[in-house]
C-alpha atoms as a PDB file:
ATOM      1  CA  MET A   1     149.183 158.902  45.942  1.00  0.00           C
ATOM      2  CA  ILE A   2     151.485 161.121  47.912  1.00  0.00           C
ATOM      3  CA  LYS A   3     155.130 160.410  47.179  1.00  0.00           C
ATOM      4  CA  PHE A   4     157.212 160.196  50.319  1.00  0.00           C
ATOM      5  CA  VAL A   5     160.957 160.434  49.809  1.00  0.00           C
ATOM      6  CA  LYS A   6     163.350 159.712  52.623  1.00  0.00           C
ATOM      7  CA  VAL A   7     160.737 160.466  55.219  1.00  0.00           C
ATOM      8  CA  TRP A   8     163.124 161.226  58.053  1.00  0.00           C
ATOM      9  CA  LEU A   9     164.778 164.020  56.074  1.00  0.00           C
ATOM     10  CA  LEU A  10     161.537 165.698  55.072  1.00  0.00           C
ATOM     11  CA  LEU A  11     159.484 165.481  58.219  1.00  0.00           C
ATOM     12  CA  PHE A  12     161.790 165.223  61.208  1.00  0.00           C
ATOM     13  CA  SER A  13     164.922 166.788  62.569  1.00  0.00           C
ATOM     14  CA  PHE A  14     166.914 163.812  63.712  1.00  0.00           C
ATOM     15  CA  TRP A  15     170.416 165.241  64.004  1.00  0.00           C
ATOM     16  CA  LEU A  16     171.346 164.995  67.660  1.00  0.00           C
ATOM     17  CA  VAL A  17     172.711 168.013  69.410  1.00  0.00           C
ATOM     18  CA  THR A  18     175.209 166.760  71.944  1.00  0.00           C
ATOM     19  CA  ASP A  19     178.845 166.155  71.050  1.00  0.00           C
ATOM     20  CA  ALA A  20     178.552 162.517  72.136  1.00  0.00           C
ATOM     21  CA  GLN A  21     175.593 161.875  69.834  1.00  0.00           C
ATOM     22  CA  ALA A  22     176.363 164.132  66.878  1.00  0.00           C
ATOM     23  CA  GLN A  23     178.034 161.370  64.870  1.00  0.00           C
ATOM     24  CA  TYR A  24     174.729 159.461  64.619  1.00  0.00           C
ATOM     25  CA  ALA A  25     171.922 160.238  62.193  1.00  0.00           C
ATOM     26  CA  TYR A  26     168.963 159.558  64.482  1.00  0.00           C
ATOM     27  CA  LYS A  27     167.538 157.489  67.323  1.00  0.00           C
ATOM     28  CA  ILE A  28     164.747 154.944  67.441  1.00  0.00           C
ATOM     29  CA  ALA A  29     162.466 154.310  70.393  1.00  0.00           C
ATOM     30  CA  LYS A  30     160.330 151.789  72.237  1.00  0.00           C
ATOM     31  CA  LEU A  31     156.734 152.870  72.856  1.00  0.00           C
ATOM     32  CA  LYS A  32     155.532 153.184  76.450  1.00  0.00           C
ATOM     33  CA  TYR A  33     151.778 152.753  76.844  1.00  0.00           C
ATOM     34  CA  ASN A  34     149.174 152.456  79.586  1.00  0.00           C
ATOM     35  CA  GLY A  35     146.821 149.607  80.455  1.00  0.00           C
ATOM     36  CA  GLY A  36     149.152 147.367  82.442  1.00  0.00           C
ATOM     37  CA  GLY A  37     150.834 145.519  79.586  1.00  0.00           C
ATOM     38  CA  ASP A  38     154.580 144.954  79.726  1.00  0.00           C
ATOM     39  CA  TRP A  39     155.672 147.577  77.194  1.00  0.00           C
ATOM     40  CA  TYR A  40     159.225 147.194  78.582  1.00  0.00           C
ATOM     41  CA  ALA A  41     159.633 143.566  77.427  1.00  0.00           C
ATOM     42  CA  ASN A  42     162.635 142.385  75.390  1.00  0.00           C
ATOM     43  CA  LYS A  43     165.211 144.670  76.961  1.00  0.00           C
ATOM     44  CA  THR A  44     168.113 143.668  74.698  1.00  0.00           C
ATOM     45  CA  SER A  45     166.135 143.563  71.446  1.00  0.00           C
ATOM     46  CA  LEU A  46     166.432 147.068  70.037  1.00  0.00           C
ATOM     47  CA  PRO A  47     170.111 147.594  70.929  1.00  0.00           C
ATOM     48  CA  ASN A  48     170.939 144.313  69.162  1.00  0.00           C
ATOM     49  CA  LEU A  49     168.835 145.261  66.140  1.00  0.00           C
ATOM     50  CA  ILE A  50     170.482 148.669  65.955  1.00  0.00           C
ATOM     51  CA  LYS A  51     173.933 147.106  66.076  1.00  0.00           C
ATOM     52  CA  PHE A  52     172.987 144.655  63.325  1.00  0.00           C
ATOM     53  CA  ALA A  53     171.517 147.373  61.099  1.00  0.00           C
ATOM     54  CA  ASN A  54     174.481 149.683  61.623  1.00  0.00           C
ATOM     55  CA  THR A  55     176.900 146.891  60.747  1.00  0.00           C
ATOM     56  CA  ASN A  56     175.059 145.404  57.785  1.00  0.00           C
ATOM     57  CA  LEU A  57     173.172 148.382  56.366  1.00  0.00           C
ATOM     58  CA  ARG A  58     175.435 151.211  57.566  1.00  0.00           C
ATOM     59  CA  MET A  59     172.409 152.955  59.023  1.00  0.00           C
ATOM     60  CA  ASN A  60     174.255 155.045  61.629  1.00  0.00           C
ATOM     61  CA  ILE A  61     171.570 154.800  64.310  1.00  0.00           C
ATOM     62  CA  TYR A  62     172.385 155.818  67.876  1.00  0.00           C
ATOM     63  CA  PRO A  63     173.292 152.516  69.616  1.00  0.00           C
ATOM     64  CA  GLU A  64     170.853 152.805  72.520  1.00  0.00           C
ATOM     65  CA  GLU A  65     167.071 152.888  72.329  1.00  0.00           C
ATOM     66  CA  ASP A  66     164.965 155.690  73.752  1.00  0.00           C
ATOM     67  CA  ILE A  67     161.671 155.234  75.580  1.00  0.00           C
ATOM     68  CA  VAL A  68     158.796 157.449  74.428  1.00  0.00           C
ATOM     69  CA  ASP A  69     155.254 157.798  75.760  1.00  0.00           C
ATOM     70  CA  VAL A  70     152.536 157.344  73.178  1.00  0.00           C
ATOM     71  CA  GLY A  71     151.061 160.731  74.055  1.00  0.00           C
ATOM     72  CA  SER A  72     154.329 162.676  74.162  1.00  0.00           C
ATOM     73  CA  PRO A  73     155.292 165.335  71.608  1.00  0.00           C
ATOM     74  CA  GLU A  74     158.723 163.672  71.660  1.00  0.00           C
ATOM     75  CA  LEU A  75     157.190 160.883  69.583  1.00  0.00           C
ATOM     76  CA  PHE A  76     157.795 163.061  66.523  1.00  0.00           C
ATOM     77  CA  SER A  77     161.558 162.884  67.115  1.00  0.00           C
ATOM     78  CA  TYR A  78     161.800 159.274  65.906  1.00  0.00           C
ATOM     79  CA  PRO A  79     161.398 157.874  62.394  1.00  0.00           C
ATOM     80  CA  PHE A  80     160.801 154.370  63.772  1.00  0.00           C
ATOM     81  CA  VAL A  81     159.016 153.345  66.970  1.00  0.00           C
ATOM     82  CA  HIS A  82     158.751 149.755  68.214  1.00  0.00           C
ATOM     83  CA  MET A  83     155.933 148.457  70.413  1.00  0.00           C
ATOM     84  CA  THR A  84     155.793 145.098  72.151  1.00  0.00           C
ATOM     85  CA  GLY A  85     154.282 143.281  75.124  1.00  0.00           C
ATOM     86  CA  HIS A  86     151.967 140.473  76.178  1.00  0.00           C
ATOM     87  CA  GLY A  87     149.049 142.186  77.900  1.00  0.00           C
ATOM     88  CA  ASN A  88     146.568 145.007  77.969  1.00  0.00           C
ATOM     89  CA  VAL A  89     147.003 148.233  76.008  1.00  0.00           C
ATOM     90  CA  VAL A  90     144.916 151.371  76.519  1.00  0.00           C
ATOM     91  CA  PHE A  91     145.234 154.588  74.532  1.00  0.00           C
ATOM     92  CA  SER A  92     143.424 157.666  75.761  1.00  0.00           C
ATOM     93  CA  ASP A  93     141.738 159.827  73.130  1.00  0.00           C
ATOM     94  CA  ALA A  94     144.608 162.310  73.317  1.00  0.00           C
ATOM     95  CA  GLU A  95     147.209 159.543  72.969  1.00  0.00           C
ATOM     96  CA  ALA A  96     145.391 158.049  69.999  1.00  0.00           C
ATOM     97  CA  GLN A  97     145.286 161.437  68.295  1.00  0.00           C
ATOM     98  CA  ASN A  98     148.967 162.019  68.969  1.00  0.00           C
ATOM     99  CA  LEU A  99     149.866 158.638  67.488  1.00  0.00           C
ATOM    100  CA  ARG A 100     147.618 159.315  64.492  1.00  0.00           C
ATOM    101  CA  ARG A 101     149.320 162.643  63.796  1.00  0.00           C
ATOM    102  CA  TYR A 102     152.729 161.007  64.134  1.00  0.00           C
ATOM    103  CA  LEU A 103     151.898 158.289  61.622  1.00  0.00           C
ATOM    104  CA  MET A 104     150.201 160.677  59.202  1.00  0.00           C
ATOM    105  CA  SER A 105     153.249 162.955  59.372  1.00  0.00           C
ATOM    106  CA  GLY A 106     155.636 160.258  58.167  1.00  0.00           C
ATOM    107  CA  GLY A 107     156.373 158.201  61.277  1.00  0.00           C
ATOM    108  CA  PHE A 108     156.384 154.409  61.336  1.00  0.00           C
ATOM    109  CA  LEU A 109     155.186 152.056  64.076  1.00  0.00           C
ATOM    110  CA  HIS A 110     156.215 148.413  64.336  1.00  0.00           C
ATOM    111  CA  ILE A 111     153.998 146.423  66.691  1.00  0.00           C
ATOM    112  CA  ASP A 112     155.379 143.020  67.624  1.00  0.00           C
ATOM    113  CA  ASP A 113     152.979 140.640  69.336  1.00  0.00           C
ATOM    114  CA  ASN A 114     154.925 139.026  72.142  1.00  0.00           C
ATOM    115  CA  TYR A 115     151.966 136.647  72.539  1.00  0.00           C
ATOM    116  CA  GLY A 116     148.665 137.917  73.877  1.00  0.00           C
ATOM    117  CA  LEU A 117     148.779 141.437  72.420  1.00  0.00           C
ATOM    118  CA  GLU A 118     146.588 141.008  69.343  1.00  0.00           C
ATOM    119  CA  LYS A 119     143.104 141.631  70.755  1.00  0.00           C
ATOM    120  CA  PHE A 120     144.246 144.805  72.495  1.00  0.00           C
ATOM    121  CA  ILE A 121     146.134 146.125  69.485  1.00  0.00           C
ATOM    122  CA  ARG A 122     143.226 145.658  67.115  1.00  0.00           C
ATOM    123  CA  ARG A 123     140.938 147.480  69.548  1.00  0.00           C
ATOM    124  CA  GLU A 124     143.271 150.373  70.356  1.00  0.00           C
ATOM    125  CA  MET A 125     144.522 150.987  66.811  1.00  0.00           C
ATOM    126  CA  LYS A 126     140.882 151.484  65.829  1.00  0.00           C
ATOM    127  CA  LYS A 127     141.004 154.570  68.045  1.00  0.00           C
ATOM    128  CA  VAL A 128     143.991 155.781  66.041  1.00  0.00           C
ATOM    129  CA  PHE A 129     142.614 155.006  62.571  1.00  0.00           C
ATOM    130  CA  PRO A 130     138.882 154.200  62.851  1.00  0.00           C
ATOM    131  CA  GLU A 131     138.642 154.287  59.063  1.00  0.00           C
ATOM    132  CA  LEU A 132     141.337 151.648  58.523  1.00  0.00           C
ATOM    133  CA  ASN A 133     141.594 147.898  59.036  1.00  0.00           C
ATOM    134  CA  PHE A 134     144.722 145.784  59.300  1.00  0.00           C
ATOM    135  CA  VAL A 135     145.372 143.990  56.028  1.00  0.00           C
ATOM    136  CA  GLU A 136     147.711 141.057  55.600  1.00  0.00           C
ATOM    137  CA  LEU A 137     150.608 142.087  53.381  1.00  0.00           C
ATOM    138  CA  PRO A 138     151.539 139.888  50.424  1.00  0.00           C
ATOM    139  CA  PHE A 139     155.011 138.377  50.385  1.00  0.00           C
ATOM    140  CA  SER A 140     155.753 140.568  47.352  1.00  0.00           C
ATOM    141  CA  HIS A 141     155.428 143.698  49.502  1.00  0.00           C
ATOM    142  CA  PRO A 142     158.604 145.819  49.666  1.00  0.00           C
ATOM    143  CA  ILE A 143     158.901 145.277  53.414  1.00  0.00           C
ATOM    144  CA  TYR A 144     159.883 141.669  52.686  1.00  0.00           C
ATOM    145  CA  ASN A 145     162.173 142.718  49.853  1.00  0.00           C
ATOM    146  CA  GLN A 146     164.621 145.249  51.200  1.00  0.00           C
ATOM    147  CA  LYS A 147     168.288 144.367  51.744  1.00  0.00           C
ATOM    148  CA  PHE A 148     167.212 140.902  52.851  1.00  0.00           C
ATOM    149  CA  LYS A 149     164.680 138.814  50.950  1.00  0.00           C
ATOM    150  CA  PHE A 150     161.843 136.927  52.630  1.00  0.00           C
ATOM    151  CA  PRO A 151     159.923 135.207  49.824  1.00  0.00           C
ATOM    152  CA  SER A 152     157.756 133.354  52.356  1.00  0.00           C
ATOM    153  CA  GLY A 153     157.129 136.315  54.637  1.00  0.00           C
ATOM    154  CA  LEU A 154     158.034 136.632  58.285  1.00  0.00           C
ATOM    155  CA  PRO A 155     160.423 134.132  59.883  1.00  0.00           C
ATOM    156  CA  LYS A 156     159.104 132.011  62.723  1.00  0.00           C
ATOM    157  CA  VAL A 157     161.055 132.536  65.956  1.00  0.00           C
ATOM    158  CA  HIS A 158     158.920 130.890  68.675  1.00  0.00           C
ATOM    159  CA  GLU A 159     155.964 128.531  68.611  1.00  0.00           C
ATOM    160  CA  HIS A 160     152.826 129.286  70.583  1.00  0.00           C
ATOM    161  CA  ASP A 161     149.659 128.053  68.899  1.00  0.00           C
ATOM    162  CA  GLY A 162     151.221 126.276  65.954  1.00  0.00           C
ATOM    163  CA  LYS A 163     150.133 129.026  63.567  1.00  0.00           C
ATOM    164  CA  ALA A 164     152.113 130.492  60.709  1.00  0.00           C
ATOM    165  CA  PRO A 165     153.568 133.976  61.230  1.00  0.00           C
ATOM    166  CA  GLN A 166     151.634 136.826  59.650  1.00  0.00           C
ATOM    167  CA  GLY A 167     152.447 140.432  58.843  1.00  0.00           C
ATOM    168  CA  PHE A 168     149.608 142.957  58.861  1.00  0.00           C
ATOM    169  CA  GLY A 169     149.665 146.612  57.916  1.00  0.00           C
ATOM    170  CA  LEU A 170     147.691 149.809  58.259  1.00  0.00           C
ATOM    171  CA  ILE A 171     147.866 151.699  54.992  1.00  0.00           C
ATOM    172  CA  TRP A 172     147.044 155.404  54.990  1.00  0.00           C
ATOM    173  CA  GLN A 173     146.824 157.191  51.642  1.00  0.00           C
ATOM    174  CA  GLY A 174     148.810 154.438  49.988  1.00  0.00           C
ATOM    175  CA  ARG A 175     151.577 154.428  52.608  1.00  0.00           C
ATOM    176  CA  LEU A 176     152.264 151.653  55.096  1.00  0.00           C
ATOM    177  CA  VAL A 177     152.347 153.470  58.439  1.00  0.00           C
ATOM    178  CA  CYS A 178     152.109 150.544  60.862  1.00  0.00           C
ATOM    179  CA  PHE A 179     153.373 146.969  60.587  1.00  0.00           C
ATOM    180  CA  PHE A 180     152.025 144.340  62.980  1.00  0.00           C
ATOM    181  CA  SER A 181     153.999 141.090  63.243  1.00  0.00           C
ATOM    182  CA  LEU A 182     151.889 138.246  64.638  1.00  0.00           C
ATOM    183  CA  GLU A 183     152.678 134.623  65.625  1.00  0.00           C
ATOM    184  CA  CYS A 184     156.311 135.394  65.013  1.00  0.00           C
ATOM    185  CA  ASP A 185     158.022 136.713  68.166  1.00  0.00           C
ATOM    186  CA  LEU A 186     160.327 138.772  66.011  1.00  0.00           C
ATOM    187  CA  GLY A 187     161.583 140.879  68.926  1.00  0.00           C
ATOM    188  CA  ASN A 188     162.446 137.753  70.909  1.00  0.00           C
ATOM    189  CA  GLY A 189     164.739 136.785  68.075  1.00  0.00           C
ATOM    190  CA  TRP A 190     166.610 140.085  68.466  1.00  0.00           C
ATOM    191  CA  GLU A 191     167.368 139.394  72.133  1.00  0.00           C
ATOM    192  CA  ASP A 192     170.769 138.293  73.404  1.00  0.00           C
ATOM    193  CA  GLN A 193     171.279 134.642  72.547  1.00  0.00           C
ATOM    194  CA  THR A 194     171.442 133.724  76.235  1.00  0.00           C
ATOM    195  CA  VAL A 195     167.896 134.972  76.886  1.00  0.00           C
ATOM    196  CA  TYR A 196     166.075 132.240  74.942  1.00  0.00           C
ATOM    197  CA  ASN A 197     168.950 130.093  73.625  1.00  0.00           C
ATOM    198  CA  ASP A 198     167.526 130.356  70.125  1.00  0.00           C
ATOM    199  CA  PRO A 199     169.650 128.809  67.363  1.00  0.00           C
ATOM    200  CA  GLU A 200     171.858 131.423  65.737  1.00  0.00           C
ATOM    201  CA  PRO A 201     170.303 130.942  62.261  1.00  0.00           C
ATOM    202  CA  VAL A 202     166.901 131.776  63.760  1.00  0.00           C
ATOM    203  CA  ARG A 203     168.292 134.893  65.437  1.00  0.00           C
ATOM    204  CA  GLN A 204     169.952 135.995  62.222  1.00  0.00           C
ATOM    205  CA  GLN A 205     166.721 135.676  60.272  1.00  0.00           C
ATOM    206  CA  ALA A 206     164.892 137.715  62.906  1.00  0.00           C
ATOM    207  CA  LEU A 207     167.576 140.404  62.818  1.00  0.00           C
ATOM    208  CA  ARG A 208     167.496 140.510  59.028  1.00  0.00           C
ATOM    209  CA  MET A 209     163.748 141.019  59.032  1.00  0.00           C
ATOM    210  CA  GLY A 210     164.094 143.723  61.656  1.00  0.00           C
ATOM    211  CA  ALA A 211     166.721 145.448  59.540  1.00  0.00           C
ATOM    212  CA  ASN A 212     164.276 145.339  56.627  1.00  0.00           C
ATOM    213  CA  LEU A 213     161.714 147.120  58.783  1.00  0.00           C
ATOM    214  CA  LEU A 214     164.195 149.853  59.657  1.00  0.00           C
ATOM    215  CA  GLN A 215     165.333 150.240  56.076  1.00  0.00           C
ATOM    216  CA  TYR A 216     161.778 150.368  54.767  1.00  0.00           C
ATOM    217  CA  ALA A 217     160.650 152.875  57.389  1.00  0.00           C
ATOM    218  CA  THR A 218     163.493 155.321  56.826  1.00  0.00           C
ATOM    219  CA  THR A 219     164.406 155.097  53.149  1.00  0.00           C
ATOM    220  CA  SER A 220     161.505 153.759  51.078  1.00  0.00           C
ATOM    221  CA  TYR A 221     159.838 155.703  48.297  1.00  0.00           C
ATOM    222  CA  GLN A 222     156.104 155.314  48.466  1.00  0.00           C
END
Protein backbone atom coordinates (compact mmCIF):
# COMPACT_ATOMS: atom_id res chain seq x y z
CA MET A 1 0.00 0.00 0.00
CA ILE A 2 1.27 3.41 -0.92
CA LYS A 3 1.80 5.61 2.12
CA PHE A 4 0.40 9.08 1.64
CA VAL A 5 1.62 11.68 4.11
CA LYS A 6 0.03 15.09 4.29
CA VAL A 7 -1.23 14.83 0.75
CA TRP A 8 -1.60 18.54 0.14
CA LEU A 9 2.08 19.16 0.86
CA LEU A 10 3.34 16.40 -1.41
CA LEU A 11 1.10 16.71 -4.42
CA PHE A 12 -0.21 20.26 -4.64
CA SER A 13 1.01 23.80 -4.35
CA PHE A 14 -1.66 25.43 -2.25
CA TRP A 15 0.08 28.57 -1.03
CA LEU A 16 -1.85 31.47 -2.50
CA VAL A 17 0.01 34.19 -4.28
CA THR A 18 -1.85 37.40 -3.60
CA ASP A 19 -1.15 39.51 -0.53
CA ALA A 20 -4.79 39.22 0.55
CA GLN A 21 -4.71 35.42 0.44
CA ALA A 22 -1.14 34.65 1.48
CA GLN A 23 -2.04 34.15 5.14
CA TYR A 24 -4.16 31.08 4.27
CA ALA A 25 -2.81 27.61 3.58
CA TYR A 26 -5.17 26.61 0.77
CA LYS A 27 -8.65 26.84 -0.71
CA ILE A 28 -11.39 24.27 -1.15
CA ALA A 29 -13.92 24.21 -3.97
CA LYS A 30 -17.40 23.20 -5.05
CA LEU A 31 -17.55 21.04 -8.18
CA LYS A 32 -19.41 22.39 -11.21
CA TYR A 33 -20.73 19.67 -13.52
CA ASN A 34 -22.94 19.30 -16.58
CA GLY A 35 -26.22 17.46 -17.05
CA GLY A 36 -28.65 20.01 -15.63
CA GLY A 37 -28.35 19.18 -11.94
CA ASP A 38 -28.13 22.01 -9.43
CA TRP A 39 -24.42 21.83 -8.63
CA TYR A 40 -24.74 25.32 -7.08
CA ALA A 41 -27.06 24.19 -4.25
CA ASN A 42 -26.37 25.00 -0.59
CA LYS A 43 -24.78 28.39 -1.14
CA THR A 44 -23.84 29.03 2.51
CA SER A 45 -22.63 25.50 3.28
CA LEU A 46 -18.93 25.57 2.46
CA PRO A 47 -18.22 29.04 3.91
CA ASN A 48 -19.84 27.93 7.18
CA LEU A 49 -17.90 24.66 7.19
CA ILE A 50 -14.65 26.49 6.52
CA LYS A 51 -15.31 28.89 9.38
CA PHE A 52 -16.10 25.99 11.72
CA ALA A 53 -12.98 24.05 10.71
CA ASN A 54 -10.74 27.10 11.01
CA THR A 55 -12.11 27.85 14.47
CA ASN A 56 -12.16 24.33 15.88
CA LEU A 57 -9.33 22.62 14.01
CA ARG A 58 -7.16 25.65 13.20
CA MET A 59 -7.09 24.58 9.57
CA ASN A 60 -6.35 28.01 8.06
CA ILE A 61 -8.49 27.54 4.96
CA TYR A 62 -9.35 30.56 2.81
CA PRO A 63 -12.81 31.65 4.06
CA GLU A 64 -14.58 31.62 0.69
CA GLU A 65 -15.18 28.63 -1.55
CA ASP A 66 -14.02 28.45 -5.15
CA ILE A 67 -16.02 26.96 -8.01
CA VAL A 68 -14.16 24.50 -10.25
CA ASP A 69 -15.29 22.68 -13.39
CA VAL A 70 -14.86 18.93 -13.28
CA GLY A 71 -12.81 19.02 -16.48
CA SER A 72 -10.60 21.97 -15.56
CA PRO A 73 -6.86 21.68 -14.85
CA GLU A 74 -7.58 24.00 -11.91
CA LEU A 75 -9.11 21.00 -10.15
CA PHE A 76 -5.58 20.02 -9.11
CA SER A 77 -5.28 23.23 -7.06
CA TYR A 78 -7.59 21.95 -4.31
CA PRO A 79 -7.00 19.21 -1.74
CA PHE A 80 -10.74 18.89 -1.09
CA VAL A 81 -13.62 19.28 -3.54
CA HIS A 82 -17.30 19.12 -2.56
CA MET A 83 -20.09 18.05 -4.91
CA THR A 84 -23.81 18.33 -4.27
CA GLY A 85 -27.17 18.63 -6.01
CA HIS A 86 -30.52 16.95 -6.58
CA GLY A 87 -30.58 16.11 -10.28
CA ASN A 88 -28.78 14.82 -13.32
CA VAL A 89 -25.00 14.60 -13.58
CA VAL A 90 -23.09 13.95 -16.80
CA PHE A 91 -19.32 13.62 -17.11
CA SER A 92 -17.78 13.61 -20.56
CA ASP A 93 -14.95 11.14 -21.16
CA ALA A 94 -12.42 13.95 -20.82
CA GLU A 95 -14.00 15.17 -17.57
CA ALA A 96 -14.05 11.66 -16.14
CA GLN A 97 -10.38 11.21 -16.97
CA ASN A 98 -9.50 14.56 -15.42
CA LEU A 99 -11.35 13.66 -12.22
CA ARG A 100 -9.67 10.24 -12.17
CA ARG A 101 -6.21 11.79 -12.46
CA TYR A 102 -7.06 14.27 -9.72
CA LEU A 103 -8.16 11.55 -7.32
CA MET A 104 -5.26 9.25 -8.17
CA SER A 105 -2.85 12.15 -7.60
CA GLY A 106 -3.97 12.69 -4.01
CA GLY A 107 -7.15 14.75 -4.33
CA PHE A 108 -10.32 14.03 -2.37
CA LEU A 109 -13.94 14.32 -3.50
CA HIS A 110 -16.89 14.54 -1.11
CA ILE A 111 -20.22 13.88 -2.83
CA ASP A 112 -23.24 14.83 -0.75
CA ASP A 113 -26.59 13.56 -1.99
CA ASN A 114 -29.01 16.45 -1.62
CA TYR A 115 -31.78 13.95 -2.42
CA GLY A 116 -32.09 12.50 -5.90
CA LEU A 117 -28.39 12.40 -6.81
CA GLU A 118 -27.58 8.75 -6.10
CA LYS A 119 -28.51 7.08 -9.40
CA PHE A 120 -26.56 9.65 -11.39
CA ILE A 121 -23.51 9.52 -9.14
CA ARG A 122 -23.24 5.75 -9.27
CA ARG A 123 -23.47 5.86 -13.07
CA GLU A 124 -21.02 8.72 -13.63
CA MET A 125 -18.41 7.63 -11.09
CA LYS A 126 -18.22 4.34 -12.99
CA LYS A 127 -16.79 6.41 -15.84
CA VAL A 128 -14.14 7.71 -13.46
CA PHE A 129 -13.25 4.38 -11.84
CA PRO A 130 -14.81 1.53 -13.87
CA GLU A 131 -12.81 -0.95 -11.82
CA LEU A 132 -14.17 0.25 -8.47
CA ASN A 133 -17.49 0.01 -6.65
CA PHE A 134 -18.75 2.14 -3.79
CA VAL A 135 -18.39 0.27 -0.51
CA GLU A 136 -20.13 1.21 2.71
CA LEU A 137 -17.53 2.27 5.26
CA PRO A 138 -17.62 0.73 8.73
CA PHE A 139 -18.15 3.06 11.67
CA SER A 140 -14.60 2.21 12.78
CA HIS A 141 -13.20 3.91 9.67
CA PRO A 142 -10.88 6.86 10.40
CA ILE A 143 -13.23 9.27 8.65
CA TYR A 144 -15.64 8.85 11.57
CA ASN A 145 -12.83 9.08 14.10
CA GLN A 146 -10.95 12.29 13.48
CA LYS A 147 -11.22 15.25 15.86
CA PHE A 148 -14.89 14.41 16.36
CA LYS A 149 -16.13 10.89 17.03
CA PHE A 150 -19.15 9.37 15.28
CA PRO A 151 -19.49 5.84 16.67
CA SER A 152 -22.79 5.36 14.81
CA GLY A 153 -21.65 6.87 11.53
CA LEU A 154 -23.12 9.86 9.75
CA PRO A 155 -25.54 12.16 11.57
CA LYS A 156 -29.05 12.47 10.19
CA VAL A 157 -29.91 16.04 9.20
CA HIS A 158 -33.13 15.75 7.14
CA GLU A 159 -35.64 12.97 6.60
CA HIS A 160 -36.68 11.93 3.12
CA ASP A 161 -37.46 8.23 2.82
CA GLY A 162 -37.08 7.27 6.45
CA LYS A 163 -33.77 5.52 5.76
CA ALA A 164 -30.66 5.58 7.90
CA PRO A 165 -27.76 7.71 6.66
CA GLN A 166 -24.96 5.84 4.92
CA GLY A 167 -21.39 6.69 4.01
CA PHE A 168 -19.88 5.04 0.94
CA GLY A 169 -16.34 5.23 -0.37
CA LEU A 170 -14.27 4.58 -3.46
CA ILE A 171 -10.96 3.09 -2.40
CA TRP A 172 -8.06 3.20 -4.84
CA GLN A 173 -4.87 1.34 -3.93
CA GLY A 174 -5.89 1.30 -0.29
CA ARG A 175 -6.71 5.01 -0.15
CA LEU A 176 -10.17 6.51 0.25
CA VAL A 177 -10.40 8.98 -2.63
CA CYS A 178 -14.14 9.70 -2.68
CA PHE A 179 -16.70 9.78 0.12
CA PHE A 180 -20.40 9.68 -0.74
CA SER A 181 -22.83 10.70 2.01
CA LEU A 182 -26.34 9.37 1.38
CA GLU A 183 -29.70 9.85 3.17
CA CYS A 184 -28.01 12.41 5.36
CA ASP A 185 -28.22 15.91 3.84
CA LEU A 186 -24.92 16.77 5.45
CA GLY A 187 -24.45 19.94 3.39
CA ASN A 188 -27.90 21.19 4.38
CA GLY A 189 -26.76 21.01 7.97
CA TRP A 190 -23.85 23.34 7.16
CA GLU A 191 -26.19 26.03 5.81
CA ASP A 192 -27.08 29.19 7.71
CA GLN A 193 -29.56 28.32 10.44
CA THR A 194 -32.21 30.52 8.84
CA VAL A 195 -32.23 28.46 5.63
CA TYR A 196 -33.84 25.33 7.09
CA ASN A 197 -34.36 26.29 10.76
CA ASP A 198 -32.59 23.11 11.82
CA PRO A 199 -32.00 22.73 15.57
CA GLU A 200 -28.54 23.95 16.52
CA PRO A 201 -27.44 20.53 17.88
CA VAL A 202 -28.22 19.02 14.47
CA ARG A 203 -26.23 21.73 12.70
CA GLN A 204 -23.30 21.26 15.04
CA GLN A 205 -23.20 17.53 14.39
CA ALA A 206 -23.25 18.15 10.64
CA LEU A 207 -20.44 20.69 10.93
CA ARG A 208 -18.39 18.33 13.07
CA MET A 209 -18.72 15.57 10.51
CA GLY A 210 -17.79 17.98 7.75
CA ALA A 211 -14.72 19.04 9.71
CA ASN A 212 -13.78 15.36 10.00
CA LEU A 213 -13.95 15.08 6.22
CA LEU A 214 -11.64 18.06 5.79
CA GLN A 215 -9.22 16.82 8.41
CA TYR A 216 -9.15 13.32 6.94
CA ALA A 217 -8.67 14.57 3.38
CA THR A 218 -5.78 16.89 4.18
CA THR A 219 -3.85 15.29 7.03
CA SER A 220 -4.46 11.54 7.19
CA TYR A 221 -1.74 8.95 6.80
CA GLN A 222 -2.90 6.12 4.62
